């Protein structure tokens, strides 16, 4: 296929064309899906944090952990076929290093994801003010920064491992990949959100940080997820040494052609 393998006769579903794979431009629809998805995820997660503060805890940590996972689950069903719905620089990095995604597309995907997240961050500031919106910034709570970093590495490893596994085994998992990914986000949030925000997503953390000019802990939420994604790729390369359906894996990572 795109890295030298032949497509099987039964694999006739339109994938990314060779010209698209080699181009710098993944197309407007893919980038729009990434920007809108990152906007929505940052808005949902950030709004939960803001609402929890403004209501004195009526929006509980459990609700704030569940909401982003449900959003991602729904959006995978809605527009996952357009761009692969990474909406997360760590996921894009994982797919790229795994060679399921064109390396040349990575910068534009990252830009789209960050743009959507930053717009959501400024939206929270516009709606609720800077003080309230500051509660959407992910940072350690009662733990040392290095502990938060280790947690982000571990949580992102778990998330990207699930994402890579459901992509490489798309013909076995199929649409249920959305359930697996959403459930993993919820699980990670339930155990770590009160400690350090359970971001697992540099874009989600960057949006509110930029909007409130609070960059003190942002490095944790870039370094941790990117390292976690690379570890997940190494792990997946060992346990899934042979791809089950490369065509479906590529489509899961980058969306369908068109």
C-alpha atoms as a PDB file:
ATOM      1  CA  UNK A   1       0.000   0.000   0.000  1.00  0.00           C
ATOM      2  CA  UNK A   2       1.405   3.402   0.959  1.00  0.00           C
ATOM      3  CA  UNK A   3       4.612   1.971   2.401  1.00  0.00           C
ATOM      4  CA  UNK A   4       5.161  -0.636  -0.266  1.00  0.00           C
ATOM      5  CA  UNK A   5       2.573  -3.298   0.600  1.00  0.00           C
ATOM      6  CA  UNK A   6       0.017  -4.471  -1.931  1.00  0.00           C
ATOM      7  CA  UNK A   7      -3.677  -4.096  -1.275  1.00  0.00           C
ATOM      8  CA  UNK A   8      -5.531  -7.400  -1.228  1.00  0.00           C
ATOM      9  CA  UNK A   9      -8.276  -7.941  -3.827  1.00  0.00           C
ATOM     10  CA  UNK A  10     -10.924  -7.924  -1.112  1.00  0.00           C
ATOM     11  CA  UNK A  11      -9.679  -4.591   0.183  1.00  0.00           C
ATOM     12  CA  UNK A  12     -11.331  -2.310  -2.364  1.00  0.00           C
ATOM     13  CA  UNK A  13     -12.741   0.328   0.011  1.00  0.00           C
ATOM     14  CA  UNK A  14     -11.461   3.780  -1.073  1.00  0.00           C
ATOM     15  CA  UNK A  15      -8.528   4.767   1.125  1.00  0.00           C
ATOM     16  CA  UNK A  16      -6.230   7.760   1.055  1.00  0.00           C
ATOM     17  CA  UNK A  17      -4.890   8.154  -2.469  1.00  0.00           C
ATOM     18  CA  UNK A  18      -1.174   7.900  -3.153  1.00  0.00           C
ATOM     19  CA  UNK A  19      -1.044  11.582  -4.122  1.00  0.00           C
ATOM     20  CA  UNK A  20      -2.722  12.602  -0.863  1.00  0.00           C
ATOM     21  CA  UNK A  21      -0.302  10.446   1.119  1.00  0.00           C
ATOM     22  CA  UNK A  22       2.672  12.168  -0.496  1.00  0.00           C
ATOM     23  CA  UNK A  23       1.276  15.705  -0.267  1.00  0.00           C
ATOM     24  CA  UNK A  24       1.878  18.292   2.442  1.00  0.00           C
ATOM     25  CA  UNK A  25      -1.809  19.137   2.588  1.00  0.00           C
ATOM     26  CA  UNK A  26      -4.243  16.662   4.188  1.00  0.00           C
ATOM     27  CA  UNK A  27      -7.213  18.693   2.936  1.00  0.00           C
ATOM     28  CA  UNK A  28      -9.621  21.199   4.405  1.00  0.00           C
ATOM     29  CA  UNK A  29     -12.174  18.680   5.650  1.00  0.00           C
ATOM     30  CA  UNK A  30      -9.663  16.731   7.711  1.00  0.00           C
ATOM     31  CA  UNK A  31      -8.191  19.851   9.282  1.00  0.00           C
ATOM     32  CA  UNK A  32     -11.641  21.263   9.992  1.00  0.00           C
ATOM     33  CA  UNK A  33     -12.652  18.017  11.703  1.00  0.00           C
ATOM     34  CA  UNK A  34      -9.512  18.120  13.849  1.00  0.00           C
ATOM     35  CA  UNK A  35      -9.988  21.781  14.802  1.00  0.00           C
ATOM     36  CA  UNK A  36     -13.673  21.371  15.602  1.00  0.00           C
ATOM     37  CA  UNK A  37     -13.047  18.160  17.533  1.00  0.00           C
ATOM     38  CA  UNK A  38     -10.259  19.707  19.613  1.00  0.00           C
ATOM     39  CA  UNK A  39     -12.422  22.762  20.208  1.00  0.00           C
ATOM     40  CA  UNK A  40     -15.290  20.608  21.440  1.00  0.00           C
ATOM     41  CA  UNK A  41     -13.153  18.408  23.657  1.00  0.00           C
ATOM     42  CA  UNK A  42     -11.412  21.394  25.262  1.00  0.00           C
ATOM     43  CA  UNK A  43     -14.725  23.167  25.707  1.00  0.00           C
ATOM     44  CA  UNK A  44     -16.409  20.152  27.311  1.00  0.00           C
ATOM     45  CA  UNK A  45     -13.496  19.339  29.630  1.00  0.00           C
ATOM     46  CA  UNK A  46     -12.839  22.988  30.499  1.00  0.00           C
ATOM     47  CA  UNK A  47     -16.514  23.780  31.006  1.00  0.00           C
ATOM     48  CA  UNK A  48     -16.797  20.883  33.408  1.00  0.00           C
ATOM     49  CA  UNK A  49     -13.917  22.270  35.474  1.00  0.00           C
ATOM     50  CA  UNK A  50     -15.360  25.794  35.408  1.00  0.00           C
ATOM     51  CA  UNK A  51     -18.843  24.563  36.295  1.00  0.00           C
ATOM     52  CA  UNK A  52     -17.459  22.485  39.152  1.00  0.00           C
ATOM     53  CA  UNK A  53     -15.852  25.619  40.586  1.00  0.00           C
ATOM     54  CA  UNK A  54     -18.822  27.928  40.006  1.00  0.00           C
ATOM     55  CA  UNK A  55     -21.379  25.511  41.478  1.00  0.00           C
ATOM     56  CA  UNK A  56     -19.341  24.655  44.522  1.00  0.00           C
ATOM     57  CA  UNK A  57     -18.800  21.070  43.459  1.00  0.00           C
ATOM     58  CA  UNK A  58     -22.258  20.220  42.135  1.00  0.00           C
ATOM     59  CA  UNK A  59     -20.526  19.167  38.921  1.00  0.00           C
ATOM     60  CA  UNK A  60     -18.475  16.429  40.539  1.00  0.00           C
ATOM     61  CA  UNK A  61     -15.063  15.069  39.631  1.00  0.00           C
ATOM     62  CA  UNK A  62     -16.808  11.931  38.409  1.00  0.00           C
ATOM     63  CA  UNK A  63     -18.986  13.934  36.014  1.00  0.00           C
ATOM     64  CA  UNK A  64     -15.961  15.893  34.809  1.00  0.00           C
ATOM     65  CA  UNK A  65     -14.141  12.630  34.107  1.00  0.00           C
ATOM     66  CA  UNK A  66     -17.041  11.071  32.234  1.00  0.00           C
ATOM     67  CA  UNK A  67     -18.021  14.022  30.023  1.00  0.00           C
ATOM     68  CA  UNK A  68     -14.873  14.210  27.817  1.00  0.00           C
ATOM     69  CA  UNK A  69     -14.949  10.456  27.233  1.00  0.00           C
ATOM     70  CA  UNK A  70     -18.577  10.587  26.117  1.00  0.00           C
ATOM     71  CA  UNK A  71     -17.803  13.517  23.828  1.00  0.00           C
ATOM     72  CA  UNK A  72     -14.921  11.712  22.153  1.00  0.00           C
ATOM     73  CA  UNK A  73     -17.000   8.562  21.815  1.00  0.00           C
ATOM     74  CA  UNK A  74     -19.816  10.455  20.093  1.00  0.00           C
ATOM     75  CA  UNK A  75     -17.496  12.381  17.791  1.00  0.00           C
ATOM     76  CA  UNK A  76     -15.709   9.219  16.634  1.00  0.00           C
ATOM     77  CA  UNK A  77     -19.075   7.935  15.452  1.00  0.00           C
ATOM     78  CA  UNK A  78     -19.999  11.314  13.946  1.00  0.00           C
ATOM     79  CA  UNK A  79     -16.835  12.400  12.077  1.00  0.00           C
ATOM     80  CA  UNK A  80     -14.151   9.837  12.846  1.00  0.00           C
ATOM     81  CA  UNK A  81     -14.104   8.729   9.211  1.00  0.00           C
ATOM     82  CA  UNK A  82     -13.178  12.246   8.050  1.00  0.00           C
ATOM     83  CA  UNK A  83      -9.821  12.731   9.781  1.00  0.00           C
ATOM     84  CA  UNK A  84      -9.338   9.778  12.110  1.00  0.00           C
ATOM     85  CA  UNK A  85     -10.424  12.170  14.880  1.00  0.00           C
ATOM     86  CA  UNK A  86      -7.084  12.394  16.658  1.00  0.00           C
ATOM     87  CA  UNK A  87      -7.883  15.805  18.253  1.00  0.00           C
ATOM     88  CA  UNK A  88      -4.730  15.193  20.271  1.00  0.00           C
ATOM     89  CA  UNK A  89      -1.095  15.864  19.251  1.00  0.00           C
ATOM     90  CA  UNK A  90       0.039  12.772  21.166  1.00  0.00           C
ATOM     91  CA  UNK A  91      -2.292  10.545  19.151  1.00  0.00           C
ATOM     92  CA  UNK A  92      -1.121  12.102  15.884  1.00  0.00           C
ATOM     93  CA  UNK A  93       2.480  11.493  16.923  1.00  0.00           C
ATOM     94  CA  UNK A  94       1.694   7.880  17.768  1.00  0.00           C
ATOM     95  CA  UNK A  95       0.030   7.207  14.412  1.00  0.00           C
ATOM     96  CA  UNK A  96       2.904   8.932  12.607  1.00  0.00           C
ATOM     97  CA  UNK A  97       5.669   6.976  14.339  1.00  0.00           C
ATOM     98  CA  UNK A  98       3.675   3.769  13.796  1.00  0.00           C
ATOM     99  CA  UNK A  99       3.662   4.623  10.059  1.00  0.00           C
ATOM    100  CA  UNK A 100      -0.116   4.643   9.830  1.00  0.00           C
ATOM    101  CA  UNK A 101      -0.192   8.388   9.147  1.00  0.00           C
ATOM    102  CA  UNK A 102       1.832  10.591   6.752  1.00  0.00           C
ATOM    103  CA  UNK A 103       4.634  12.383   8.616  1.00  0.00           C
ATOM    104  CA  UNK A 104       4.149  15.399   6.370  1.00  0.00           C
ATOM    105  CA  UNK A 105       0.642  15.865   7.703  1.00  0.00           C
ATOM    106  CA  UNK A 106       1.683  15.988  11.356  1.00  0.00           C
ATOM    107  CA  UNK A 107       2.458  19.768  11.547  1.00  0.00           C
ATOM    108  CA  UNK A 108      -0.860  20.779   9.977  1.00  0.00           C
ATOM    109  CA  UNK A 109      -2.817  18.389  12.199  1.00  0.00           C
ATOM    110  CA  UNK A 110      -1.079  19.816  15.259  1.00  0.00           C
ATOM    111  CA  UNK A 111      -1.815  23.387  14.161  1.00  0.00           C
ATOM    112  CA  UNK A 112      -5.496  22.577  13.609  1.00  0.00           C
ATOM    113  CA  UNK A 113      -5.772  20.841  16.982  1.00  0.00           C
ATOM    114  CA  UNK A 114      -4.069  23.679  18.840  1.00  0.00           C
ATOM    115  CA  UNK A 115      -6.113  26.325  17.054  1.00  0.00           C
ATOM    116  CA  UNK A 116      -9.370  24.653  18.019  1.00  0.00           C
ATOM    117  CA  UNK A 117      -8.270  24.227  21.628  1.00  0.00           C
ATOM    118  CA  UNK A 118      -7.069  27.826  21.961  1.00  0.00           C
ATOM    119  CA  UNK A 119     -10.352  29.158  20.565  1.00  0.00           C
ATOM    120  CA  UNK A 120     -12.186  27.067  23.166  1.00  0.00           C
ATOM    121  CA  UNK A 121      -9.930  28.464  25.896  1.00  0.00           C
ATOM    122  CA  UNK A 122     -10.654  32.043  24.917  1.00  0.00           C
ATOM    123  CA  UNK A 123     -14.335  31.158  24.693  1.00  0.00           C
ATOM    124  CA  UNK A 124     -14.293  30.078  28.338  1.00  0.00           C
ATOM    125  CA  UNK A 125     -12.621  33.352  29.315  1.00  0.00           C
ATOM    126  CA  UNK A 126     -15.173  35.376  27.328  1.00  0.00           C
ATOM    127  CA  UNK A 127     -18.109  33.549  28.883  1.00  0.00           C
ATOM    128  CA  UNK A 128     -16.999  33.201  32.500  1.00  0.00           C
ATOM    129  CA  UNK A 129     -14.082  35.565  33.033  1.00  0.00           C
ATOM    130  CA  UNK A 130     -10.426  34.842  33.563  1.00  0.00           C
ATOM    131  CA  UNK A 131     -10.674  33.802  37.212  1.00  0.00           C
ATOM    132  CA  UNK A 132     -13.285  31.133  36.566  1.00  0.00           C
ATOM    133  CA  UNK A 133     -11.642  29.995  33.325  1.00  0.00           C
ATOM    134  CA  UNK A 134      -8.359  29.493  35.163  1.00  0.00           C
ATOM    135  CA  UNK A 135      -9.907  26.387  36.729  1.00  0.00           C
ATOM    136  CA  UNK A 136      -9.871  24.785  33.272  1.00  0.00           C
ATOM    137  CA  UNK A 137      -6.067  24.889  33.289  1.00  0.00           C
ATOM    138  CA  UNK A 138      -4.601  21.454  33.973  1.00  0.00           C
ATOM    139  CA  UNK A 139      -2.056  21.434  36.779  1.00  0.00           C
ATOM    140  CA  UNK A 140      -0.977  19.196  39.672  1.00  0.00           C
ATOM    141  CA  UNK A 141      -3.152  19.306  42.777  1.00  0.00           C
ATOM    142  CA  UNK A 142      -1.375  18.270  45.967  1.00  0.00           C
ATOM    143  CA  UNK A 143       1.298  16.258  44.161  1.00  0.00           C
ATOM    144  CA  UNK A 144       4.783  17.058  42.919  1.00  0.00           C
ATOM    145  CA  UNK A 145       5.242  18.022  39.246  1.00  0.00           C
ATOM    146  CA  UNK A 146       7.324  14.922  38.584  1.00  0.00           C
ATOM    147  CA  UNK A 147       4.515  12.736  39.909  1.00  0.00           C
ATOM    148  CA  UNK A 148       2.069  14.480  37.578  1.00  0.00           C
ATOM    149  CA  UNK A 149       4.524  13.917  34.725  1.00  0.00           C
ATOM    150  CA  UNK A 150       4.725  10.187  35.452  1.00  0.00           C
ATOM    151  CA  UNK A 151       0.936   9.976  35.620  1.00  0.00           C
ATOM    152  CA  UNK A 152       0.589  11.723  32.264  1.00  0.00           C
ATOM    153  CA  UNK A 153       3.098   9.321  30.717  1.00  0.00           C
ATOM    154  CA  UNK A 154       1.209   6.324  32.085  1.00  0.00           C
ATOM    155  CA  UNK A 155      -2.280   7.560  31.230  1.00  0.00           C
ATOM    156  CA  UNK A 156      -1.300   8.552  27.703  1.00  0.00           C
ATOM    157  CA  UNK A 157       0.433   5.205  27.207  1.00  0.00           C
ATOM    158  CA  UNK A 158      -2.851   3.506  28.114  1.00  0.00           C
ATOM    159  CA  UNK A 159      -4.930   5.749  25.852  1.00  0.00           C
ATOM    160  CA  UNK A 160      -2.653   5.564  22.806  1.00  0.00           C
ATOM    161  CA  UNK A 161      -2.214   1.806  23.259  1.00  0.00           C
ATOM    162  CA  UNK A 162      -5.979   1.385  23.028  1.00  0.00           C
ATOM    163  CA  UNK A 163      -6.207   3.729  20.031  1.00  0.00           C
ATOM    164  CA  UNK A 164      -3.404   2.002  18.139  1.00  0.00           C
ATOM    165  CA  UNK A 165      -4.796  -1.420  18.996  1.00  0.00           C
ATOM    166  CA  UNK A 166      -8.292  -0.610  17.758  1.00  0.00           C
ATOM    167  CA  UNK A 167      -6.831   0.892  14.564  1.00  0.00           C
ATOM    168  CA  UNK A 168      -4.536  -2.053  13.779  1.00  0.00           C
ATOM    169  CA  UNK A 169      -7.349  -4.491  14.514  1.00  0.00           C
ATOM    170  CA  UNK A 170     -10.136  -2.459  12.926  1.00  0.00           C
ATOM    171  CA  UNK A 171     -11.740  -5.474  11.258  1.00  0.00           C
ATOM    172  CA  UNK A 172     -12.108  -7.123  14.669  1.00  0.00           C
ATOM    173  CA  UNK A 173     -13.134  -4.084  16.714  1.00  0.00           C
ATOM    174  CA  UNK A 174     -14.976  -2.016  14.095  1.00  0.00           C
ATOM    175  CA  UNK A 175     -17.280   0.765  15.347  1.00  0.00           C
ATOM    176  CA  UNK A 176     -16.786  -0.439  18.914  1.00  0.00           C
ATOM    177  CA  UNK A 177     -13.423   1.351  18.818  1.00  0.00           C
ATOM    178  CA  UNK A 178     -15.330   4.464  19.870  1.00  0.00           C
ATOM    179  CA  UNK A 179     -16.519   2.692  23.013  1.00  0.00           C
ATOM    180  CA  UNK A 180     -13.015   1.450  23.856  1.00  0.00           C
ATOM    181  CA  UNK A 181     -11.405   4.872  23.398  1.00  0.00           C
ATOM    182  CA  UNK A 182     -14.135   6.780  25.226  1.00  0.00           C
ATOM    183  CA  UNK A 183     -14.102   4.286  28.086  1.00  0.00           C
ATOM    184  CA  UNK A 184     -10.320   4.619  28.431  1.00  0.00           C
ATOM    185  CA  UNK A 185     -10.585   8.409  28.673  1.00  0.00           C
ATOM    186  CA  UNK A 186     -13.264   8.034  31.336  1.00  0.00           C
ATOM    187  CA  UNK A 187     -11.243   5.451  33.250  1.00  0.00           C
ATOM    188  CA  UNK A 188      -8.124   7.623  33.278  1.00  0.00           C
ATOM    189  CA  UNK A 189     -10.149  10.636  34.383  1.00  0.00           C
ATOM    190  CA  UNK A 190     -11.813   8.755  37.211  1.00  0.00           C
ATOM    191  CA  UNK A 191      -8.486   7.814  38.782  1.00  0.00           C
ATOM    192  CA  UNK A 192      -6.345  10.868  38.028  1.00  0.00           C
ATOM    193  CA  UNK A 193      -8.454  13.948  37.290  1.00  0.00           C
ATOM    194  CA  UNK A 194      -8.481  15.221  40.899  1.00  0.00           C
ATOM    195  CA  UNK A 195      -4.696  14.783  41.098  1.00  0.00           C
ATOM    196  CA  UNK A 196      -3.477  16.425  37.900  1.00  0.00           C
ATOM    197  CA  UNK A 197      -6.339  16.893  35.458  1.00  0.00           C
ATOM    198  CA  UNK A 198      -5.850  13.645  33.490  1.00  0.00           C
ATOM    199  CA  UNK A 199      -5.249  15.604  30.305  1.00  0.00           C
ATOM    200  CA  UNK A 200      -3.389  13.073  28.112  1.00  0.00           C
ATOM    201  CA  UNK A 201      -3.707  15.751  25.443  1.00  0.00           C
ATOM    202  CA  UNK A 202      -1.312  18.687  24.890  1.00  0.00           C
ATOM    203  CA  UNK A 203      -3.920  20.605  22.888  1.00  0.00           C
ATOM    204  CA  UNK A 204      -6.576  20.343  25.617  1.00  0.00           C
ATOM    205  CA  UNK A 205      -4.064  21.713  28.143  1.00  0.00           C
ATOM    206  CA  UNK A 206      -2.650  24.390  25.851  1.00  0.00           C
ATOM    207  CA  UNK A 207      -5.992  26.041  25.049  1.00  0.00           C
ATOM    208  CA  UNK A 208      -6.905  27.217  28.568  1.00  0.00           C
ATOM    209  CA  UNK A 209      -3.234  27.894  29.411  1.00  0.00           C
ATOM    210  CA  UNK A 210      -2.874  30.299  26.491  1.00  0.00           C
ATOM    211  CA  UNK A 211      -6.221  31.964  27.144  1.00  0.00           C
ATOM    212  CA  UNK A 212      -5.372  32.625  30.801  1.00  0.00           C
ATOM    213  CA  UNK A 213      -1.612  33.153  30.274  1.00  0.00           C
ATOM    214  CA  UNK A 214      -0.869  30.408  32.804  1.00  0.00           C
ATOM    215  CA  UNK A 215       2.053  28.385  31.472  1.00  0.00           C
ATOM    216  CA  UNK A 216       3.581  27.216  34.744  1.00  0.00           C
ATOM    217  CA  UNK A 217       2.667  23.533  34.437  1.00  0.00           C
ATOM    218  CA  UNK A 218       2.060  23.295  30.704  1.00  0.00           C
ATOM    219  CA  UNK A 219       5.357  21.512  30.079  1.00  0.00           C
ATOM    220  CA  UNK A 220       4.063  18.520  32.035  1.00  0.00           C
ATOM    221  CA  UNK A 221       1.145  18.132  29.641  1.00  0.00           C
ATOM    222  CA  UNK A 222       3.376  18.205  26.577  1.00  0.00           C
ATOM    223  CA  UNK A 223       6.319  16.123  27.745  1.00  0.00           C
ATOM    224  CA  UNK A 224       4.227  13.470  29.500  1.00  0.00           C
ATOM    225  CA  UNK A 225       1.756  12.718  26.686  1.00  0.00           C
ATOM    226  CA  UNK A 226       4.399  12.742  23.957  1.00  0.00           C
ATOM    227  CA  UNK A 227       6.620  10.321  25.891  1.00  0.00           C
ATOM    228  CA  UNK A 228       3.599   8.163  26.711  1.00  0.00           C
ATOM    229  CA  UNK A 229       2.635   8.039  23.028  1.00  0.00           C
ATOM    230  CA  UNK A 230       6.132   6.924  22.000  1.00  0.00           C
ATOM    231  CA  UNK A 231       6.134   4.188  24.643  1.00  0.00           C
ATOM    232  CA  UNK A 232       2.725   3.056  23.398  1.00  0.00           C
ATOM    233  CA  UNK A 233       4.060   2.799  19.838  1.00  0.00           C
ATOM    234  CA  UNK A 234       6.995   0.690  21.010  1.00  0.00           C
ATOM    235  CA  UNK A 235       4.653  -1.538  23.018  1.00  0.00           C
ATOM    236  CA  UNK A 236       2.196  -1.914  20.128  1.00  0.00           C
ATOM    237  CA  UNK A 237       5.024  -2.757  17.755  1.00  0.00           C
ATOM    238  CA  UNK A 238       5.906  -5.709  19.950  1.00  0.00           C
ATOM    239  CA  UNK A 239       2.459  -7.078  20.766  1.00  0.00           C
ATOM    240  CA  UNK A 240       1.007  -6.331  17.304  1.00  0.00           C
ATOM    241  CA  UNK A 241       4.090  -7.092  15.251  1.00  0.00           C
ATOM    242  CA  UNK A 242       1.966  -7.882  12.193  1.00  0.00           C
ATOM    243  CA  UNK A 243      -0.915  -5.659  11.190  1.00  0.00           C
ATOM    244  CA  UNK A 244      -4.168  -7.479  10.675  1.00  0.00           C
ATOM    245  CA  UNK A 245      -5.592  -5.138   8.045  1.00  0.00           C
ATOM    246  CA  UNK A 246      -3.242  -2.363   7.011  1.00  0.00           C
ATOM    247  CA  UNK A 247      -5.843  -0.664   4.832  1.00  0.00           C
ATOM    248  CA  UNK A 248      -8.324  -0.324   7.666  1.00  0.00           C
ATOM    249  CA  UNK A 249      -5.561   0.738  10.062  1.00  0.00           C
ATOM    250  CA  UNK A 250      -4.532   3.576   7.761  1.00  0.00           C
ATOM    251  CA  UNK A 251      -8.152   4.619   7.291  1.00  0.00           C
ATOM    252  CA  UNK A 252      -8.674   4.633  11.048  1.00  0.00           C
ATOM    253  CA  UNK A 253      -5.635   6.858  11.464  1.00  0.00           C
ATOM    254  CA  UNK A 254      -6.233   9.360   8.686  1.00  0.00           C
ATOM    255  CA  UNK A 255      -9.850   9.054   7.569  1.00  0.00           C
ATOM    256  CA  UNK A 256     -11.238   8.058   4.209  1.00  0.00           C
ATOM    257  CA  UNK A 257     -10.304   9.646   0.938  1.00  0.00           C
ATOM    258  CA  UNK A 258     -12.457  12.581  -0.098  1.00  0.00           C
END
